[in-house]
PDB file of N, CA and C in Angstrom:
ATOM      1  N   MET A   1      -8.338  83.180 -46.574  1.00  0.00           N
ATOM      2  CA  MET A   1      -7.464  82.354 -47.230  1.00  0.00           C
ATOM      3  C   MET A   1      -7.496  80.982 -47.155  1.00  0.00           C
ATOM      4  N   PRO A   2      -7.644  80.238 -47.935  1.00  0.00           N
ATOM      5  CA  PRO A   2      -7.785  79.009 -47.622  1.00  0.00           C
ATOM      6  C   PRO A   2      -6.721  78.297 -47.085  1.00  0.00           C
ATOM      7  N   TYR A   3      -7.053  77.264 -46.278  1.00  0.00           N
ATOM      8  CA  TYR A   3      -5.709  76.471 -45.669  1.00  0.00           C
ATOM      9  C   TYR A   3      -4.917  75.724 -46.333  1.00  0.00           C
ATOM     10  N   ASP A   4      -3.791  75.196 -45.725  1.00  0.00           N
ATOM     11  CA  ASP A   4      -2.936  74.640 -46.598  1.00  0.00           C
ATOM     12  C   ASP A   4      -3.281  72.954 -46.919  1.00  0.00           C
ATOM     13  N   GLN A   5      -3.475  72.786 -48.321  1.00  0.00           N
ATOM     14  CA  GLN A   5      -4.260  71.282 -48.359  1.00  0.00           C
ATOM     15  C   GLN A   5      -3.446  70.324 -48.354  1.00  0.00           C
ATOM     16  N   ALA A   6      -1.792  70.522 -48.688  1.00  0.00           N
ATOM     17  CA  ALA A   6      -0.711  69.365 -48.412  1.00  0.00           C
ATOM     18  C   ALA A   6      -0.519  69.452 -46.842  1.00  0.00           C
ATOM     19  N   LEU A   7      -0.679  70.299 -46.172  1.00  0.00           N
ATOM     20  CA  LEU A   7      -0.734  69.950 -44.728  1.00  0.00           C
ATOM     21  C   LEU A   7      -1.610  68.934 -44.094  1.00  0.00           C
ATOM     22  N   ALA A   8      -2.905  69.586 -44.850  1.00  0.00           N
ATOM     23  CA  ALA A   8      -4.238  68.858 -44.218  1.00  0.00           C
ATOM     24  C   ALA A   8      -4.087  67.284 -44.526  1.00  0.00           C
ATOM     25  N   ARG A   9      -3.528  67.168 -45.889  1.00  0.00           N
ATOM     26  CA  ARG A   9      -3.233  65.697 -46.399  1.00  0.00           C
ATOM     27  C   ARG A   9      -2.479  65.204 -45.019  1.00  0.00           C
ATOM     28  N   ARG A  10      -1.215  65.835 -45.150  1.00  0.00           N
ATOM     29  CA  ARG A  10      -0.188  65.051 -44.132  1.00  0.00           C
ATOM     30  C   ARG A  10      -1.022  64.605 -42.826  1.00  0.00           C
ATOM     31  N   VAL A  11      -1.727  65.460 -42.241  1.00  0.00           N
ATOM     32  CA  VAL A  11      -2.165  65.529 -40.767  1.00  0.00           C
ATOM     33  C   VAL A  11      -3.148  64.182 -41.325  1.00  0.00           C
ATOM     34  N   ARG A  12      -3.961  64.080 -42.316  1.00  0.00           N
ATOM     35  CA  ARG A  12      -4.939  62.936 -42.460  1.00  0.00           C
ATOM     36  C   ARG A  12      -4.204  61.535 -42.221  1.00  0.00           C
ATOM     37  N   ARG A  13      -3.015  61.642 -42.863  1.00  0.00           N
ATOM     38  CA  ARG A  13      -2.451  60.261 -43.122  1.00  0.00           C
ATOM     39  C   ARG A  13      -1.799  60.130 -42.060  1.00  0.00           C
ATOM     40  N   ALA A  14      -1.177  60.898 -40.733  1.00  0.00           N
ATOM     41  CA  ALA A  14      -1.051  60.956 -39.893  1.00  0.00           C
ATOM     42  C   ALA A  14      -1.838  60.258 -38.901  1.00  0.00           C
ATOM     43  N   LEU A  15      -2.914  61.030 -38.691  1.00  0.00           N
ATOM     44  CA  LEU A  15      -4.071  60.380 -38.008  1.00  0.00           C
ATOM     45  C   LEU A  15      -4.929  59.298 -38.579  1.00  0.00           C
ATOM     46  N   ALA A  16      -4.788  58.771 -40.020  1.00  0.00           N
ATOM     47  CA  ALA A  16      -5.270  57.411 -39.949  1.00  0.00           C
ATOM     48  C   ALA A  16      -5.522  56.491 -38.978  1.00  0.00           C
ATOM     49  N   ASP A  17      -4.628  56.257 -38.026  1.00  0.00           N
ATOM     50  CA  ASP A  17      -4.955  55.086 -37.274  1.00  0.00           C
ATOM     51  C   ASP A  17      -5.869  55.146 -36.431  1.00  0.00           C
ATOM     52  N   HIS A  18      -6.334  56.573 -36.039  1.00  0.00           N
ATOM     53  CA  HIS A  18      -7.402  56.860 -35.075  1.00  0.00           C
ATOM     54  C   HIS A  18      -8.584  56.702 -35.333  1.00  0.00           C
ATOM     55  N   PRO A  19      -9.504  56.084 -35.072  1.00  0.00           N
ATOM     56  CA  PRO A  19     -11.311  55.698 -35.785  1.00  0.00           C
ATOM     57  C   PRO A  19     -11.954  56.580 -35.295  1.00  0.00           C
ATOM     58  N   ALA A  20     -11.506  57.396 -33.860  1.00  0.00           N
ATOM     59  CA  ALA A  20     -12.565  58.007 -33.369  1.00  0.00           C
ATOM     60  C   ALA A  20     -12.245  59.859 -33.824  1.00  0.00           C
ATOM     61  N   VAL A  21     -11.217  60.081 -34.965  1.00  0.00           N
ATOM     62  CA  VAL A  21     -10.770  61.196 -35.702  1.00  0.00           C
ATOM     63  C   VAL A  21     -12.180  61.447 -36.530  1.00  0.00           C
ATOM     64  N   ASP A  22     -12.381  62.475 -36.857  1.00  0.00           N
ATOM     65  CA  ASP A  22     -13.465  63.232 -37.598  1.00  0.00           C
ATOM     66  C   ASP A  22     -13.090  64.645 -38.249  1.00  0.00           C
ATOM     67  N   GLU A  23     -13.239  65.335 -39.227  1.00  0.00           N
ATOM     68  CA  GLU A  23     -13.100  66.417 -39.610  1.00  0.00           C
ATOM     69  C   GLU A  23     -13.900  67.333 -39.750  1.00  0.00           C
ATOM     70  N   LYS A  24     -13.783  68.921 -39.246  1.00  0.00           N
ATOM     71  CA  LYS A  24     -14.711  69.597 -39.690  1.00  0.00           C
ATOM     72  C   LYS A  24     -14.419  71.028 -40.023  1.00  0.00           C
ATOM     73  N   LYS A  25     -14.940  71.721 -40.886  1.00  0.00           N
ATOM     74  CA  LYS A  25     -14.364  73.047 -40.844  1.00  0.00           C
ATOM     75  C   LYS A  25     -14.837  74.009 -39.692  1.00  0.00           C
ATOM     76  N   MET A  26     -13.459  74.706 -39.544  1.00  0.00           N
ATOM     77  CA  MET A  26     -14.123  75.757 -38.452  1.00  0.00           C
ATOM     78  C   MET A  26     -12.579  76.428 -38.277  1.00  0.00           C
ATOM     79  N   PHE A  27     -12.531  77.719 -37.544  1.00  0.00           N
ATOM     80  CA  PHE A  27     -11.787  78.590 -37.664  1.00  0.00           C
ATOM     81  C   PHE A  27     -11.271  79.032 -38.961  1.00  0.00           C
ATOM     82  N   GLY A  28     -11.958  79.114 -39.836  1.00  0.00           N
ATOM     83  CA  GLY A  28     -11.512  79.193 -41.248  1.00  0.00           C
ATOM     84  C   GLY A  28     -10.623  78.406 -42.117  1.00  0.00           C
ATOM     85  N   GLY A  29     -10.428  77.331 -41.443  1.00  0.00           N
ATOM     86  CA  GLY A  29      -9.687  75.845 -41.880  1.00  0.00           C
ATOM     87  C   GLY A  29     -10.267  74.737 -41.710  1.00  0.00           C
ATOM     88  N   LEU A  30      -9.703  74.073 -41.086  1.00  0.00           N
ATOM     89  CA  LEU A  30     -10.010  72.734 -41.096  1.00  0.00           C
ATOM     90  C   LEU A  30      -9.862  71.757 -39.698  1.00  0.00           C
ATOM     91  N   ALA A  31     -10.557  71.403 -38.632  1.00  0.00           N
ATOM     92  CA  ALA A  31     -10.144  70.827 -37.539  1.00  0.00           C
ATOM     93  C   ALA A  31     -10.128  69.518 -37.365  1.00  0.00           C
ATOM     94  N   PHE A  32      -9.341  69.031 -36.575  1.00  0.00           N
ATOM     95  CA  PHE A  32      -9.532  67.313 -36.527  1.00  0.00           C
ATOM     96  C   PHE A  32      -9.967  67.266 -35.138  1.00  0.00           C
ATOM     97  N   MET A  33     -11.304  66.129 -34.902  1.00  0.00           N
ATOM     98  CA  MET A  33     -11.955  66.097 -33.775  1.00  0.00           C
ATOM     99  C   MET A  33     -11.704  64.680 -33.413  1.00  0.00           C
ATOM    100  N   LEU A  34     -11.334  64.382 -32.059  1.00  0.00           N
ATOM    101  CA  LEU A  34     -11.255  63.280 -31.213  1.00  0.00           C
ATOM    102  C   LEU A  34     -12.347  63.159 -30.323  1.00  0.00           C
ATOM    103  N   ALA A  35     -13.065  62.428 -30.792  1.00  0.00           N
ATOM    104  CA  ALA A  35     -14.262  61.962 -29.449  1.00  0.00           C
ATOM    105  C   ALA A  35     -15.162  63.229 -29.703  1.00  0.00           C
ATOM    106  N   GLY A  36     -14.929  63.922 -30.379  1.00  0.00           N
ATOM    107  CA  GLY A  36     -16.022  65.509 -30.443  1.00  0.00           C
ATOM    108  C   GLY A  36     -15.026  66.709 -29.676  1.00  0.00           C
ATOM    109  N   HIS A  37     -13.855  66.461 -29.447  1.00  0.00           N
ATOM    110  CA  HIS A  37     -12.908  67.350 -29.170  1.00  0.00           C
ATOM    111  C   HIS A  37     -11.798  68.222 -29.927  1.00  0.00           C
ATOM    112  N   MET A  38     -12.087  68.870 -30.575  1.00  0.00           N
ATOM    113  CA  MET A  38     -10.839  69.350 -31.250  1.00  0.00           C
ATOM    114  C   MET A  38      -9.395  69.007 -30.937  1.00  0.00           C
ATOM    115  N   CYS A  39      -8.705  68.609 -31.557  1.00  0.00           N
ATOM    116  CA  CYS A  39      -7.205  68.093 -31.286  1.00  0.00           C
ATOM    117  C   CYS A  39      -6.002  68.991 -31.682  1.00  0.00           C
ATOM    118  N   CYS A  40      -6.327  69.048 -33.361  1.00  0.00           N
ATOM    119  CA  CYS A  40      -5.848  69.968 -33.898  1.00  0.00           C
ATOM    120  C   CYS A  40      -6.102  70.260 -35.117  1.00  0.00           C
ATOM    121  N   GLY A  41      -5.402  71.132 -35.857  1.00  0.00           N
ATOM    122  CA  GLY A  41      -6.318  71.575 -37.456  1.00  0.00           C
ATOM    123  C   GLY A  41      -5.350  72.396 -37.949  1.00  0.00           C
ATOM    124  N   VAL A  42      -5.840  73.271 -39.334  1.00  0.00           N
ATOM    125  CA  VAL A  42      -4.860  73.518 -40.178  1.00  0.00           C
ATOM    126  C   VAL A  42      -5.648  74.692 -40.578  1.00  0.00           C
ATOM    127  N   VAL A  43      -5.093  75.843 -40.406  1.00  0.00           N
ATOM    128  CA  VAL A  43      -5.278  77.129 -40.224  1.00  0.00           C
ATOM    129  C   VAL A  43      -4.597  78.281 -41.116  1.00  0.00           C
ATOM    130  N   ASN A  44      -4.785  78.355 -42.557  1.00  0.00           N
ATOM    131  CA  ASN A  44      -3.825  79.010 -43.693  1.00  0.00           C
ATOM    132  C   ASN A  44      -2.549  77.968 -43.458  1.00  0.00           C
ATOM    133  N   ASP A  45      -1.285  78.471 -43.240  1.00  0.00           N
ATOM    134  CA  ASP A  45      -0.050  77.513 -43.599  1.00  0.00           C
ATOM    135  C   ASP A  45       0.281  76.827 -42.042  1.00  0.00           C
ATOM    136  N   ASP A  46      -0.578  77.124 -41.263  1.00  0.00           N
ATOM    137  CA  ASP A  46       0.023  76.471 -39.797  1.00  0.00           C
ATOM    138  C   ASP A  46      -0.465  75.720 -39.401  1.00  0.00           C
ATOM    139  N   LEU A  47      -0.249  74.714 -38.291  1.00  0.00           N
ATOM    140  CA  LEU A  47      -0.686  73.673 -37.618  1.00  0.00           C
ATOM    141  C   LEU A  47      -1.374  74.070 -36.162  1.00  0.00           C
ATOM    142  N   MET A  48      -2.647  73.847 -36.122  1.00  0.00           N
ATOM    143  CA  MET A  48      -3.357  74.777 -34.806  1.00  0.00           C
ATOM    144  C   MET A  48      -3.390  73.212 -34.045  1.00  0.00           C
ATOM    145  N   VAL A  49      -2.684  73.497 -32.638  1.00  0.00           N
ATOM    146  CA  VAL A  49      -2.753  72.008 -31.952  1.00  0.00           C
ATOM    147  C   VAL A  49      -3.481  72.805 -30.398  1.00  0.00           C
ATOM    148  N   ARG A  50      -4.335  72.012 -29.770  1.00  0.00           N
ATOM    149  CA  ARG A  50      -4.855  72.051 -28.756  1.00  0.00           C
ATOM    150  C   ARG A  50      -4.151  70.927 -27.929  1.00  0.00           C
ATOM    151  N   VAL A  51      -2.700  72.073 -27.111  1.00  0.00           N
ATOM    152  CA  VAL A  51      -2.154  71.138 -26.024  1.00  0.00           C
ATOM    153  C   VAL A  51      -2.483  71.093 -24.394  1.00  0.00           C
ATOM    154  N   GLY A  52      -3.627  72.000 -24.370  1.00  0.00           N
ATOM    155  CA  GLY A  52      -4.012  72.196 -22.853  1.00  0.00           C
ATOM    156  C   GLY A  52      -3.418  73.000 -22.234  1.00  0.00           C
ATOM    157  N   PRO A  53      -4.172  73.744 -20.733  1.00  0.00           N
ATOM    158  CA  PRO A  53      -3.416  74.820 -20.016  1.00  0.00           C
ATOM    159  C   PRO A  53      -2.094  74.177 -19.361  1.00  0.00           C
ATOM    160  N   ALA A  54      -1.922  72.928 -18.851  1.00  0.00           N
ATOM    161  CA  ALA A  54      -0.931  72.440 -18.600  1.00  0.00           C
ATOM    162  C   ALA A  54       0.894  72.376 -19.507  1.00  0.00           C
ATOM    163  N   GLN A  55       0.307  72.376 -20.593  1.00  0.00           N
ATOM    164  CA  GLN A  55       1.518  72.030 -21.433  1.00  0.00           C
ATOM    165  C   GLN A  55       1.689  73.159 -22.296  1.00  0.00           C
ATOM    166  N   TYR A  56       0.764  74.186 -22.216  1.00  0.00           N
ATOM    167  CA  TYR A  56       0.714  75.422 -22.914  1.00  0.00           C
ATOM    168  C   TYR A  56       2.350  76.002 -23.159  1.00  0.00           C
ATOM    169  N   GLU A  57       3.047  76.463 -21.748  1.00  0.00           N
ATOM    170  CA  GLU A  57       3.882  77.343 -22.123  1.00  0.00           C
ATOM    171  C   GLU A  57       5.047  76.153 -22.514  1.00  0.00           C
ATOM    172  N   GLN A  58       5.080  75.094 -22.015  1.00  0.00           N
ATOM    173  CA  GLN A  58       6.191  74.363 -22.912  1.00  0.00           C
ATOM    174  C   GLN A  58       6.007  74.043 -24.298  1.00  0.00           C
ATOM    175  N   ALA A  59       4.727  74.171 -24.812  1.00  0.00           N
ATOM    176  CA  ALA A  59       4.875  74.059 -26.110  1.00  0.00           C
ATOM    177  C   ALA A  59       4.947  75.492 -26.500  1.00  0.00           C
ATOM    178  N   LEU A  60       4.729  76.732 -26.281  1.00  0.00           N
ATOM    179  CA  LEU A  60       5.213  78.078 -27.043  1.00  0.00           C
ATOM    180  C   LEU A  60       6.852  78.298 -26.599  1.00  0.00           C
ATOM    181  N   ALA A  61       7.520  77.375 -25.931  1.00  0.00           N
ATOM    182  CA  ALA A  61       8.436  77.405 -25.841  1.00  0.00           C
ATOM    183  C   ALA A  61       9.810  76.693 -27.185  1.00  0.00           C
ATOM    184  N   GLN A  62       8.515  75.897 -27.985  1.00  0.00           N
ATOM    185  CA  GLN A  62       9.225  75.262 -28.981  1.00  0.00           C
ATOM    186  C   GLN A  62       9.327  76.026 -30.102  1.00  0.00           C
ATOM    187  N   PRO A  63      10.358  76.066 -30.852  1.00  0.00           N
ATOM    188  CA  PRO A  63      10.633  76.980 -32.168  1.00  0.00           C
ATOM    189  C   PRO A  63       9.183  77.127 -33.162  1.00  0.00           C
ATOM    190  N   TYR A  64       9.114  78.374 -33.504  1.00  0.00           N
ATOM    191  CA  TYR A  64       7.739  78.482 -34.447  1.00  0.00           C
ATOM    192  C   TYR A  64       6.657  78.051 -33.827  1.00  0.00           C
ATOM    193  N   ALA A  65       6.649  77.986 -32.573  1.00  0.00           N
ATOM    194  CA  ALA A  65       5.243  78.022 -31.918  1.00  0.00           C
ATOM    195  C   ALA A  65       4.688  79.349 -31.353  1.00  0.00           C
ATOM    196  N   ARG A  66       3.713  79.423 -31.378  1.00  0.00           N
ATOM    197  CA  ARG A  66       2.988  80.597 -30.685  1.00  0.00           C
ATOM    198  C   ARG A  66       1.714  80.808 -30.605  1.00  0.00           C
ATOM    199  N   PRO A  67       0.969  81.466 -29.964  1.00  0.00           N
ATOM    200  CA  PRO A  67      -0.017  81.506 -29.097  1.00  0.00           C
ATOM    201  C   PRO A  67      -1.273  81.438 -30.204  1.00  0.00           C
ATOM    202  N   MET A  68      -2.346  80.959 -30.206  1.00  0.00           N
ATOM    203  CA  MET A  68      -3.304  80.826 -31.206  1.00  0.00           C
ATOM    204  C   MET A  68      -4.115  82.163 -30.641  1.00  0.00           C
ATOM    205  N   ASP A  69      -4.165  83.070 -31.678  1.00  0.00           N
ATOM    206  CA  ASP A  69      -4.854  84.487 -31.203  1.00  0.00           C
ATOM    207  C   ASP A  69      -5.534  84.890 -32.329  1.00  0.00           C
ATOM    208  N   PHE A  70      -6.646  84.075 -32.845  1.00  0.00           N
ATOM    209  CA  PHE A  70      -7.404  84.412 -34.481  1.00  0.00           C
ATOM    210  C   PHE A  70      -8.266  85.185 -34.001  1.00  0.00           C
ATOM    211  N   THR A  71      -8.919  85.591 -32.681  1.00  0.00           N
ATOM    212  CA  THR A  71      -9.798  86.421 -32.139  1.00  0.00           C
ATOM    213  C   THR A  71      -9.106  87.596 -31.221  1.00  0.00           C
ATOM    214  N   GLY A  72      -7.607  88.102 -31.509  1.00  0.00           N
ATOM    215  CA  GLY A  72      -7.249  89.140 -30.994  1.00  0.00           C
ATOM    216  C   GLY A  72      -6.888  88.781 -29.536  1.00  0.00           C
ATOM    217  N   ARG A  73      -7.447  87.351 -29.042  1.00  0.00           N
ATOM    218  CA  ARG A  73      -6.784  87.230 -27.413  1.00  0.00           C
ATOM    219  C   ARG A  73      -6.298  85.800 -27.724  1.00  0.00           C
ATOM    220  N   PRO A  74      -5.172  85.656 -26.861  1.00  0.00           N
ATOM    221  CA  PRO A  74      -4.965  84.271 -27.063  1.00  0.00           C
ATOM    222  C   PRO A  74      -5.715  83.065 -26.284  1.00  0.00           C
ATOM    223  N   MET A  75      -5.560  82.483 -27.175  1.00  0.00           N
ATOM    224  CA  MET A  75      -6.472  80.935 -26.414  1.00  0.00           C
ATOM    225  C   MET A  75      -5.852  80.356 -25.606  1.00  0.00           C
ATOM    226  N   LYS A  76      -5.693  79.974 -24.215  1.00  0.00           N
ATOM    227  CA  LYS A  76      -4.466  79.494 -23.773  1.00  0.00           C
ATOM    228  C   LYS A  76      -5.261  77.856 -24.047  1.00  0.00           C
ATOM    229  N   GLY A  77      -3.990  77.238 -23.854  1.00  0.00           N
ATOM    230  CA  GLY A  77      -3.675  75.917 -24.228  1.00  0.00           C
ATOM    231  C   GLY A  77      -4.056  75.731 -25.802  1.00  0.00           C
ATOM    232  N   MET A  78      -3.924  76.570 -26.714  1.00  0.00           N
ATOM    233  CA  MET A  78      -3.800  76.095 -28.133  1.00  0.00           C
ATOM    234  C   MET A  78      -2.871  77.145 -28.701  1.00  0.00           C
ATOM    235  N   VAL A  79      -2.310  76.603 -29.513  1.00  0.00           N
ATOM    236  CA  VAL A  79      -1.150  77.023 -30.245  1.00  0.00           C
ATOM    237  C   VAL A  79      -1.045  77.225 -31.683  1.00  0.00           C
ATOM    238  N   TYR A  80      -0.335  78.060 -32.505  1.00  0.00           N
ATOM    239  CA  TYR A  80      -0.041  77.707 -33.745  1.00  0.00           C
ATOM    240  C   TYR A  80       1.057  77.260 -33.661  1.00  0.00           C
ATOM    241  N   VAL A  81       1.222  76.321 -34.898  1.00  0.00           N
ATOM    242  CA  VAL A  81       3.008  75.940 -35.222  1.00  0.00           C
ATOM    243  C   VAL A  81       2.872  76.122 -36.475  1.00  0.00           C
ATOM    244  N   GLY A  82       4.190  76.992 -36.731  1.00  0.00           N
ATOM    245  CA  GLY A  82       4.741  77.301 -38.413  1.00  0.00           C
ATOM    246  C   GLY A  82       5.285  76.194 -38.891  1.00  0.00           C
ATOM    247  N   SER A  83       5.032  76.439 -40.504  1.00  0.00           N
ATOM    248  CA  SER A  83       5.383  75.327 -41.461  1.00  0.00           C
ATOM    249  C   SER A  83       6.745  75.005 -40.979  1.00  0.00           C
ATOM    250  N   GLU A  84       8.121  75.878 -40.749  1.00  0.00           N
ATOM    251  CA  GLU A  84       9.187  75.883 -40.534  1.00  0.00           C
ATOM    252  C   GLU A  84       9.217  74.383 -39.665  1.00  0.00           C
ATOM    253  N   ALA A  85       8.540  74.360 -38.591  1.00  0.00           N
ATOM    254  CA  ALA A  85       8.257  73.235 -37.656  1.00  0.00           C
ATOM    255  C   ALA A  85       7.857  72.134 -37.740  1.00  0.00           C
ATOM    256  N   LEU A  86       7.340  71.764 -38.847  1.00  0.00           N
ATOM    257  CA  LEU A  86       6.670  70.768 -39.718  1.00  0.00           C
ATOM    258  C   LEU A  86       7.132  69.881 -40.873  1.00  0.00           C
ATOM    259  N   ARG A  87       8.760  70.136 -41.078  1.00  0.00           N
ATOM    260  CA  ARG A  87       9.212  69.878 -42.411  1.00  0.00           C
ATOM    261  C   ARG A  87       9.181  68.383 -42.678  1.00  0.00           C
ATOM    262  N   SER A  88       9.536  67.581 -41.215  1.00  0.00           N
ATOM    263  CA  SER A  88       9.568  65.988 -41.477  1.00  0.00           C
ATOM    264  C   SER A  88       8.254  65.538 -41.111  1.00  0.00           C
ATOM    265  N   ASP A  89       7.946  64.254 -41.270  1.00  0.00           N
ATOM    266  CA  ASP A  89       6.847  63.683 -40.722  1.00  0.00           C
ATOM    267  C   ASP A  89       7.100  63.429 -39.013  1.00  0.00           C
ATOM    268  N   ALA A  90       8.474  63.056 -38.973  1.00  0.00           N
ATOM    269  CA  ALA A  90       8.579  62.968 -37.657  1.00  0.00           C
ATOM    270  C   ALA A  90       8.306  64.159 -36.822  1.00  0.00           C
ATOM    271  N   ASP A  91       8.617  65.318 -37.159  1.00  0.00           N
ATOM    272  CA  ASP A  91       8.261  66.572 -36.304  1.00  0.00           C
ATOM    273  C   ASP A  91       6.695  66.863 -36.213  1.00  0.00           C
ATOM    274  N   LEU A  92       5.872  66.407 -37.601  1.00  0.00           N
ATOM    275  CA  LEU A  92       4.543  66.779 -37.506  1.00  0.00           C
ATOM    276  C   LEU A  92       3.961  65.908 -36.560  1.00  0.00           C
ATOM    277  N   ALA A  93       4.491  64.569 -36.513  1.00  0.00           N
ATOM    278  CA  ALA A  93       3.791  63.417 -35.707  1.00  0.00           C
ATOM    279  C   ALA A  93       4.110  63.879 -34.144  1.00  0.00           C
ATOM    280  N   GLY A  94       4.964  64.415 -33.698  1.00  0.00           N
ATOM    281  CA  GLY A  94       5.633  64.887 -32.249  1.00  0.00           C
ATOM    282  C   GLY A  94       4.020  66.182 -32.047  1.00  0.00           C
ATOM    283  N   TRP A  95       3.984  66.949 -33.053  1.00  0.00           N
ATOM    284  CA  TRP A  95       2.863  67.919 -32.428  1.00  0.00           C
ATOM    285  C   TRP A  95       1.449  67.544 -32.475  1.00  0.00           C
ATOM    286  N   LEU A  96       1.280  66.351 -33.481  1.00  0.00           N
ATOM    287  CA  LEU A  96       0.040  65.989 -33.283  1.00  0.00           C
ATOM    288  C   LEU A  96      -0.417  64.905 -32.305  1.00  0.00           C
ATOM    289  N   ARG A  97       0.807  64.443 -31.767  1.00  0.00           N
ATOM    290  CA  ARG A  97       0.636  63.431 -30.337  1.00  0.00           C
ATOM    291  C   ARG A  97       0.399  64.172 -29.275  1.00  0.00           C
ATOM    292  N   ARG A  98       0.959  65.389 -29.009  1.00  0.00           N
ATOM    293  CA  ARG A  98       0.411  66.604 -28.287  1.00  0.00           C
ATOM    294  C   ARG A  98      -0.834  66.808 -28.105  1.00  0.00           C
ATOM    295  N   GLY A  99      -1.475  67.033 -29.176  1.00  0.00           N
ATOM    296  CA  GLY A  99      -2.930  67.316 -29.506  1.00  0.00           C
ATOM    297  C   GLY A  99      -3.941  66.113 -29.170  1.00  0.00           C
ATOM    298  N   VAL A 100      -3.561  64.965 -29.554  1.00  0.00           N
ATOM    299  CA  VAL A 100      -4.033  63.675 -29.469  1.00  0.00           C
ATOM    300  C   VAL A 100      -4.142  63.721 -27.761  1.00  0.00           C
ATOM    301  N   GLU A 101      -3.208  63.362 -27.618  1.00  0.00           N
ATOM    302  CA  GLU A 101      -2.847  63.043 -26.101  1.00  0.00           C
ATOM    303  C   GLU A 101      -3.635  64.000 -24.931  1.00  0.00           C
ATOM    304  N   PHE A 102      -3.791  65.109 -25.491  1.00  0.00           N
ATOM    305  CA  PHE A 102      -4.723  65.939 -24.688  1.00  0.00           C
ATOM    306  C   PHE A 102      -6.129  65.849 -24.791  1.00  0.00           C
ATOM    307  N   ALA A 103      -6.698  65.696 -26.043  1.00  0.00           N
ATOM    308  CA  ALA A 103      -7.861  65.509 -26.595  1.00  0.00           C
ATOM    309  C   ALA A 103      -8.287  64.408 -25.828  1.00  0.00           C
ATOM    310  N   ALA A 104      -7.649  63.092 -25.705  1.00  0.00           N
ATOM    311  CA  ALA A 104      -8.157  62.057 -25.321  1.00  0.00           C
ATOM    312  C   ALA A 104      -8.148  61.946 -23.615  1.00  0.00           C
ATOM    313  N   THR A 105      -7.754  62.974 -22.910  1.00  0.00           N
ATOM    314  CA  THR A 105      -8.001  63.088 -21.572  1.00  0.00           C
ATOM    315  C   THR A 105      -9.547  63.805 -21.469  1.00  0.00           C
ATOM    316  N   LEU A 106     -10.151  64.294 -22.479  1.00  0.00           N
ATOM    317  CA  LEU A 106     -11.363  64.978 -22.051  1.00  0.00           C
ATOM    318  C   LEU A 106     -12.454  63.673 -22.038  1.00  0.00           C
ATOM    319  N   PRO A 107     -13.480  63.686 -21.555  1.00  0.00           N
ATOM    320  CA  PRO A 107     -14.771  63.257 -22.079  1.00  0.00           C
ATOM    321  C   PRO A 107     -15.525  62.916 -22.989  1.00  0.00           C
ATOM    322  N   ALA A 108     -15.708  62.031 -23.692  1.00  0.00           N
ATOM    323  CA  ALA A 108     -16.218  61.874 -25.321  1.00  0.00           C
ATOM    324  C   ALA A 108     -17.504  62.850 -24.946  1.00  0.00           C
ATOM    325  N   LYS A 109     -17.715  63.522 -26.298  1.00  0.00           N
ATOM    326  CA  LYS A 109     -19.121  64.596 -26.261  1.00  0.00           C
ATOM    327  C   LYS A 109     -20.121  63.435 -26.836  1.00  0.00           C
ATOM    328  N   GLN A 110     -21.443  63.655 -25.975  1.00  0.00           N
ATOM    329  CA  GLN A 110     -22.600  62.911 -26.673  1.00  0.00           C
ATOM    330  C   GLN A 110     -23.048  63.498 -27.875  1.00  0.00           C
ATOM    331  N   ALA A 111     -23.725  62.966 -28.932  1.00  0.00           N
ATOM    332  CA  ALA A 111     -24.047  63.364 -30.073  1.00  0.00           C
ATOM    333  C   ALA A 111     -25.118  64.294 -29.719  1.00  0.00           C
ATOM    334  N   ARG A 112     -25.864  65.452 -30.550  1.00  0.00           N
ATOM    335  CA  ARG A 112     -26.498  66.289 -30.477  1.00  0.00           C
ATOM    336  C   ARG A 112     -27.825  65.670 -30.830  1.00  0.00           C
ATOM    337  N   SER A 113     -29.117  65.753 -30.192  1.00  0.00           N
ATOM    338  CA  SER A 113     -30.119  65.495 -30.793  1.00  0.00           C
ATOM    339  C   SER A 113     -30.835  66.638 -31.565  1.00  0.00           C
ATOM    340  N   THR A 114     -31.717  66.049 -32.656  1.00  0.00           N
ATOM    341  CA  THR A 114     -31.645  67.493 -33.579  1.00  0.00           C
ATOM    342  C   THR A 114     -33.338  67.681 -33.299  1.00  0.00           C
ATOM    343  N   GLY A 115     -33.982  66.964 -32.322  1.00  0.00           N
ATOM    344  CA  GLY A 115     -35.115  67.522 -31.504  1.00  0.00           C
ATOM    345  C   GLY A 115     -36.222  66.891 -32.866  1.00  0.00           C
ATOM    346  N   ARG A 116     -35.829  65.680 -33.619  1.00  0.00           N
ATOM    347  CA  ARG A 116     -36.525  65.084 -34.409  1.00  0.00           C
ATOM    348  C   ARG A 116     -37.255  63.967 -34.003  1.00  0.00           C
TER     349      ARG A 116
END
């Protein structure tokens, strides 16, 4: 199933002021990378947010948030957020802020050499 294009556009607009953010297709959807680390993404109709292990339980306590479990096993530190929780731009911005703040704590990844 393709990812929600309208949600992807909203995420792009909200992250436009972050120069280190790139897009990458993964997880059957679209991931947004900050300095080489995934901070959030769009899978089907859900926002995927990397909140980190310390904020995981707090994030899951929010309405319409659930464990990210596309492999059948939950990935601790990552949540899916249903569209019901993203109706306003302020709601979306709050979730994106969580992902950006966590990804910003990680060391920047080095570009990989192609061996050429």
